[in-house]
Structures are given as C-alpha cells and as structure tokens.
C-alpha cells in the first residue's frame, strides 16, 4: 500500500506517495539531489526548473544506456547458452571425446 512520505530535493521539500519504504525513497531523493547539484556546479546560471529538466534528461540517458548494456548482456548469455546446448547435443550424439 502506498505511503505518504516527505523527501527533499535541491532544497525543496516534497510530499510523495510511494509503495517503496521511506529509506529507499530517501536514497532516491538523495541521488536526484546530488545529480542536480553536480549539474548546477557546471553551469553559470540555471533556474531550478531548468536544472530539473536537464537532470531528468541525464537520468533518462543513464537508464537507456543501462537497458542497452543489459540487452547486450542477455543476448550474449543467450548466445553462450545456445553454443553450450549445441555442444551437449553433439556430445550426446557422438559420445564423449577421448
């Protein structure tokens, strides 16, 4: 069941409703906060709204990259499993090598 929790990001407090426990939500908020602060350090001037949008874009980019890496990992795992199955089938048909 969703619980109402208070988090803080970039000096602003927000009340959110989430299924996740409070400790997890605090970790998520702290991560977003640090991402915004890091981005702000590299900019001369930026409104909090602009920082929020740029941070969201950066986080979405990180997510897409992670999904792509995971997809490549799954494809590699599938390829290896297929090669192993073919090797097992070949061994069963021809008998063990000596």
N, C-alpha and C. Protein backbone atom coordinates (compact mmCIF):
# COMPACT_ATOMS: atom_id res chain seq x y z
N UNK A 1 0.84 -1.18 0.00
CA UNK A 1 0.00 0.00 0.00
C UNK A 1 0.89 1.25 0.00
N UNK A 2 0.53 2.21 -0.79
CA UNK A 2 1.30 3.44 -0.90
C UNK A 2 1.24 4.24 0.40
N UNK A 3 2.42 4.78 0.77
CA UNK A 3 2.52 5.59 1.98
C UNK A 3 2.95 7.00 1.58
N UNK A 4 2.46 7.98 2.32
CA UNK A 4 2.86 9.35 2.10
C UNK A 4 4.17 9.59 2.84
N UNK A 5 5.14 10.15 2.11
CA UNK A 5 6.46 10.39 2.69
C UNK A 5 6.95 11.76 2.28
N UNK A 6 7.82 12.33 3.10
CA UNK A 6 8.41 13.62 2.76
C UNK A 6 9.86 13.41 2.35
N UNK A 7 10.22 14.01 1.21
CA UNK A 7 11.59 13.95 0.71
C UNK A 7 12.05 15.36 0.42
N UNK A 8 13.36 15.53 0.24
CA UNK A 8 13.90 16.84 -0.11
C UNK A 8 14.84 16.70 -1.28
N UNK A 9 14.63 17.55 -2.29
CA UNK A 9 15.48 17.57 -3.47
C UNK A 9 15.79 19.02 -3.79
N UNK A 10 17.07 19.32 -3.88
CA UNK A 10 17.56 20.64 -4.25
C UNK A 10 16.93 21.74 -3.39
N UNK A 11 16.88 21.48 -2.08
CA UNK A 11 16.37 22.47 -1.13
C UNK A 11 14.88 22.59 -1.04
N UNK A 12 14.16 21.81 -1.81
CA UNK A 12 12.69 21.85 -1.80
C UNK A 12 12.16 20.56 -1.17
N UNK A 13 11.18 20.71 -0.30
CA UNK A 13 10.55 19.54 0.31
C UNK A 13 9.33 19.15 -0.52
N UNK A 14 9.18 17.84 -0.69
CA UNK A 14 8.06 17.30 -1.46
C UNK A 14 7.40 16.19 -0.66
N UNK A 15 6.10 16.14 -0.73
CA UNK A 15 5.36 15.04 -0.14
C UNK A 15 4.98 14.12 -1.28
N UNK A 16 5.42 12.88 -1.20
CA UNK A 16 5.16 11.91 -2.26
C UNK A 16 4.44 10.70 -1.69
N UNK A 17 3.70 10.06 -2.54
CA UNK A 17 3.02 8.82 -2.17
C UNK A 17 3.71 7.71 -2.93
N UNK A 18 4.23 6.72 -2.20
CA UNK A 18 5.00 5.67 -2.86
C UNK A 18 4.82 4.34 -2.15
N UNK A 19 4.95 3.27 -2.94
CA UNK A 19 4.91 1.91 -2.40
C UNK A 19 6.20 1.59 -1.67
N UNK A 20 7.31 2.19 -2.12
CA UNK A 20 8.63 1.91 -1.57
C UNK A 20 8.71 2.42 -0.13
N UNK A 21 9.63 1.78 0.63
CA UNK A 21 9.79 2.22 2.02
C UNK A 21 10.52 3.56 2.09
N UNK A 22 10.44 4.19 3.23
CA UNK A 22 11.00 5.52 3.41
C UNK A 22 12.49 5.60 3.16
N UNK A 23 13.24 4.60 3.61
CA UNK A 23 14.69 4.61 3.42
C UNK A 23 15.04 4.60 1.93
N UNK A 24 14.34 3.79 1.16
CA UNK A 24 14.58 3.72 -0.28
C UNK A 24 14.25 5.06 -0.93
N UNK A 25 13.13 5.65 -0.57
CA UNK A 25 12.75 6.93 -1.16
C UNK A 25 13.75 8.03 -0.80
N UNK A 26 14.30 7.98 0.40
CA UNK A 26 15.32 8.95 0.78
C UNK A 26 16.58 8.77 -0.06
N UNK A 27 16.95 7.52 -0.36
CA UNK A 27 18.11 7.24 -1.22
C UNK A 27 17.87 7.77 -2.63
N UNK A 28 16.67 7.55 -3.15
CA UNK A 28 16.33 8.04 -4.49
C UNK A 28 16.39 9.56 -4.51
N UNK A 29 15.78 10.20 -3.51
CA UNK A 29 15.79 11.66 -3.45
C UNK A 29 17.21 12.18 -3.33
N UNK A 30 18.04 11.54 -2.53
CA UNK A 30 19.43 11.98 -2.36
C UNK A 30 20.20 11.85 -3.67
N UNK A 31 19.92 10.80 -4.42
CA UNK A 31 20.59 10.61 -5.72
C UNK A 31 20.19 11.72 -6.69
N UNK A 32 18.92 12.00 -6.78
CA UNK A 32 18.44 13.07 -7.68
C UNK A 32 19.01 14.41 -7.22
N UNK A 33 19.02 14.64 -5.92
CA UNK A 33 19.57 15.88 -5.37
C UNK A 33 21.03 16.04 -5.76
N UNK A 34 21.82 14.98 -5.61
CA UNK A 34 23.25 15.05 -5.96
C UNK A 34 23.44 15.28 -7.46
N UNK A 35 22.61 14.65 -8.28
CA UNK A 35 22.69 14.84 -9.73
C UNK A 35 22.40 16.30 -10.09
N UNK A 36 21.39 16.88 -9.45
CA UNK A 36 21.06 18.28 -9.72
C UNK A 36 22.19 19.21 -9.28
N UNK A 37 22.75 18.95 -8.10
CA UNK A 37 23.83 19.79 -7.59
C UNK A 37 25.06 19.68 -8.47
N UNK A 38 25.38 18.49 -8.93
CA UNK A 38 26.54 18.30 -9.81
C UNK A 38 26.35 19.07 -11.11
N UNK A 39 25.16 19.00 -11.67
CA UNK A 39 24.86 19.72 -12.90
C UNK A 39 24.94 21.23 -12.68
N UNK A 40 24.42 21.69 -11.55
CA UNK A 40 24.42 23.12 -11.23
C UNK A 40 25.85 23.65 -11.09
N UNK A 41 26.76 22.82 -10.55
CA UNK A 41 28.15 23.25 -10.40
C UNK A 41 28.79 23.55 -11.75
N UNK A 42 28.33 22.87 -12.79
CA UNK A 42 28.91 23.06 -14.11
C UNK A 42 28.24 24.15 -14.93
N UNK A 43 27.25 24.82 -14.36
CA UNK A 43 26.53 25.86 -15.09
C UNK A 43 26.69 27.21 -14.38
N UNK A 44 26.75 28.26 -15.17
CA UNK A 44 26.87 29.59 -14.57
C UNK A 44 25.54 30.03 -13.95
N UNK A 45 24.48 29.93 -14.71
CA UNK A 45 23.16 30.28 -14.18
C UNK A 45 22.14 29.28 -14.71
N UNK A 46 21.26 28.88 -13.84
CA UNK A 46 20.18 27.97 -14.25
C UNK A 46 19.08 28.03 -13.20
N UNK A 47 17.86 28.06 -13.66
CA UNK A 47 16.74 28.03 -12.74
C UNK A 47 16.56 26.60 -12.23
N UNK A 48 15.94 26.43 -11.08
CA UNK A 48 15.68 25.08 -10.59
C UNK A 48 14.87 24.24 -11.59
N UNK A 49 13.95 24.88 -12.29
CA UNK A 49 13.15 24.15 -13.28
C UNK A 49 14.03 23.64 -14.42
N UNK A 50 14.94 24.49 -14.90
CA UNK A 50 15.84 24.08 -15.99
C UNK A 50 16.75 22.96 -15.50
N UNK A 51 17.27 23.09 -14.29
CA UNK A 51 18.12 22.03 -13.72
C UNK A 51 17.35 20.72 -13.61
N UNK A 52 16.09 20.81 -13.20
CA UNK A 52 15.28 19.60 -13.05
C UNK A 52 15.10 18.89 -14.39
N UNK A 53 14.82 19.67 -15.43
CA UNK A 53 14.63 19.07 -16.76
C UNK A 53 15.93 18.48 -17.27
N UNK A 54 17.04 19.20 -17.14
CA UNK A 54 18.33 18.67 -17.59
C UNK A 54 18.73 17.43 -16.79
N UNK A 55 18.44 17.43 -15.49
CA UNK A 55 18.73 16.26 -14.67
C UNK A 55 17.89 15.08 -15.11
N UNK A 56 16.62 15.32 -15.39
CA UNK A 56 15.74 14.25 -15.86
C UNK A 56 16.26 13.67 -17.18
N UNK A 57 16.72 14.53 -18.07
CA UNK A 57 17.28 14.06 -19.34
C UNK A 57 18.54 13.23 -19.10
N UNK A 58 19.41 13.69 -18.21
CA UNK A 58 20.62 12.92 -17.89
C UNK A 58 20.28 11.56 -17.29
N UNK A 59 19.33 11.53 -16.37
CA UNK A 59 18.94 10.27 -15.74
C UNK A 59 18.28 9.32 -16.75
N UNK A 60 17.47 9.86 -17.65
CA UNK A 60 16.85 9.03 -18.70
C UNK A 60 17.94 8.45 -19.61
N UNK A 61 18.94 9.26 -19.93
CA UNK A 61 20.06 8.79 -20.74
C UNK A 61 20.79 7.65 -20.04
N UNK A 62 21.06 7.81 -18.74
CA UNK A 62 21.71 6.74 -17.97
C UNK A 62 20.87 5.47 -17.97
N UNK A 63 19.55 5.62 -17.83
CA UNK A 63 18.65 4.47 -17.83
C UNK A 63 18.69 3.76 -19.18
N UNK A 64 18.62 4.51 -20.27
CA UNK A 64 18.66 3.91 -21.60
C UNK A 64 19.97 3.18 -21.83
N UNK A 65 21.08 3.77 -21.38
CA UNK A 65 22.38 3.10 -21.53
C UNK A 65 22.42 1.80 -20.74
N UNK A 66 21.89 1.83 -19.52
CA UNK A 66 21.86 0.62 -18.69
C UNK A 66 20.99 -0.46 -19.33
N UNK A 67 19.86 -0.07 -19.88
CA UNK A 67 18.98 -1.03 -20.56
C UNK A 67 19.68 -1.63 -21.78
N UNK A 68 20.42 -0.80 -22.52
CA UNK A 68 21.14 -1.28 -23.69
C UNK A 68 22.22 -2.28 -23.28
N UNK A 69 22.97 -1.95 -22.21
CA UNK A 69 24.00 -2.88 -21.72
C UNK A 69 23.38 -4.18 -21.25
N UNK A 70 22.24 -4.09 -20.56
CA UNK A 70 21.56 -5.29 -20.08
C UNK A 70 21.09 -6.14 -21.27
N UNK A 71 20.58 -5.49 -22.30
CA UNK A 71 20.14 -6.20 -23.50
C UNK A 71 21.29 -6.92 -24.18
N UNK A 72 22.44 -6.24 -24.27
CA UNK A 72 23.62 -6.88 -24.85
C UNK A 72 24.06 -8.07 -24.00
N UNK A 73 23.97 -7.91 -22.69
CA UNK A 73 24.34 -8.99 -21.78
C UNK A 73 23.43 -10.19 -21.94
N UNK A 74 22.13 -9.94 -22.09
CA UNK A 74 21.17 -11.02 -22.30
C UNK A 74 21.42 -11.72 -23.63
N UNK A 75 21.72 -10.94 -24.67
CA UNK A 75 21.99 -11.52 -25.98
C UNK A 75 23.24 -12.39 -25.92
N UNK A 76 24.27 -11.93 -25.20
CA UNK A 76 25.50 -12.71 -25.05
C UNK A 76 25.22 -13.99 -24.27
N UNK A 77 24.42 -13.88 -23.22
CA UNK A 77 24.05 -15.06 -22.44
C UNK A 77 23.28 -16.06 -23.29
N UNK A 78 22.34 -15.58 -24.10
CA UNK A 78 21.58 -16.46 -24.99
C UNK A 78 22.51 -17.15 -25.98
N UNK A 79 23.46 -16.40 -26.54
CA UNK A 79 24.41 -16.97 -27.49
C UNK A 79 25.25 -18.06 -26.84
N UNK A 80 25.73 -17.79 -25.64
CA UNK A 80 26.55 -18.78 -24.92
C UNK A 80 25.73 -20.02 -24.55
N UNK A 81 24.50 -19.82 -24.12
CA UNK A 81 23.64 -20.95 -23.76
C UNK A 81 23.36 -21.81 -24.99
N UNK A 82 23.11 -21.17 -26.12
CA UNK A 82 22.87 -21.91 -27.36
C UNK A 82 24.09 -22.72 -27.76
N UNK A 83 25.27 -22.11 -27.68
CA UNK A 83 26.51 -22.82 -28.02
C UNK A 83 26.72 -24.01 -27.08
N UNK A 84 26.44 -23.84 -25.81
CA UNK A 84 26.58 -24.92 -24.84
C UNK A 84 25.61 -26.05 -25.13
N UNK A 85 24.37 -25.70 -25.46
CA UNK A 85 23.37 -26.73 -25.78
C UNK A 85 23.78 -27.49 -27.04
N UNK A 86 24.29 -26.77 -28.04
CA UNK A 86 24.74 -27.45 -29.25
C UNK A 86 25.89 -28.39 -28.95
N UNK A 87 26.81 -27.97 -28.09
CA UNK A 87 27.94 -28.81 -27.70
C UNK A 87 27.47 -30.06 -26.96
N UNK A 88 26.50 -29.88 -26.08
CA UNK A 88 25.95 -31.02 -25.33
C UNK A 88 25.26 -31.99 -26.27
N UNK A 89 24.46 -31.46 -27.19
CA UNK A 89 23.77 -32.32 -28.15
C UNK A 89 24.76 -33.10 -29.01
N UNK A 90 25.82 -32.42 -29.45
CA UNK A 90 26.84 -33.07 -30.27
C UNK A 90 27.53 -34.17 -29.48
N UNK A 91 27.83 -33.91 -28.21
CA UNK A 91 28.48 -34.90 -27.37
C UNK A 91 27.57 -36.10 -27.15
N UNK A 92 26.28 -35.85 -26.97
CA UNK A 92 25.34 -36.95 -26.75
C UNK A 92 25.21 -37.81 -28.01
N UNK A 93 25.28 -37.19 -29.17
CA UNK A 93 25.14 -37.93 -30.43
C UNK A 93 26.40 -38.71 -30.78
N UNK A 94 27.56 -38.14 -30.52
CA UNK A 94 28.81 -38.78 -30.95
C UNK A 94 29.52 -39.50 -29.81
N UNK A 95 29.10 -39.29 -28.59
CA UNK A 95 29.77 -39.88 -27.46
C UNK A 95 30.91 -38.99 -26.99
N UNK A 96 31.41 -39.23 -25.79
CA UNK A 96 32.46 -38.38 -25.26
C UNK A 96 33.77 -38.52 -26.01
N UNK A 97 34.53 -37.44 -26.06
CA UNK A 97 35.84 -37.45 -26.71
C UNK A 97 36.87 -38.08 -25.78
N UNK A 98 37.85 -38.77 -26.36
CA UNK A 98 38.91 -39.37 -25.52
C UNK A 98 40.23 -38.97 -25.99
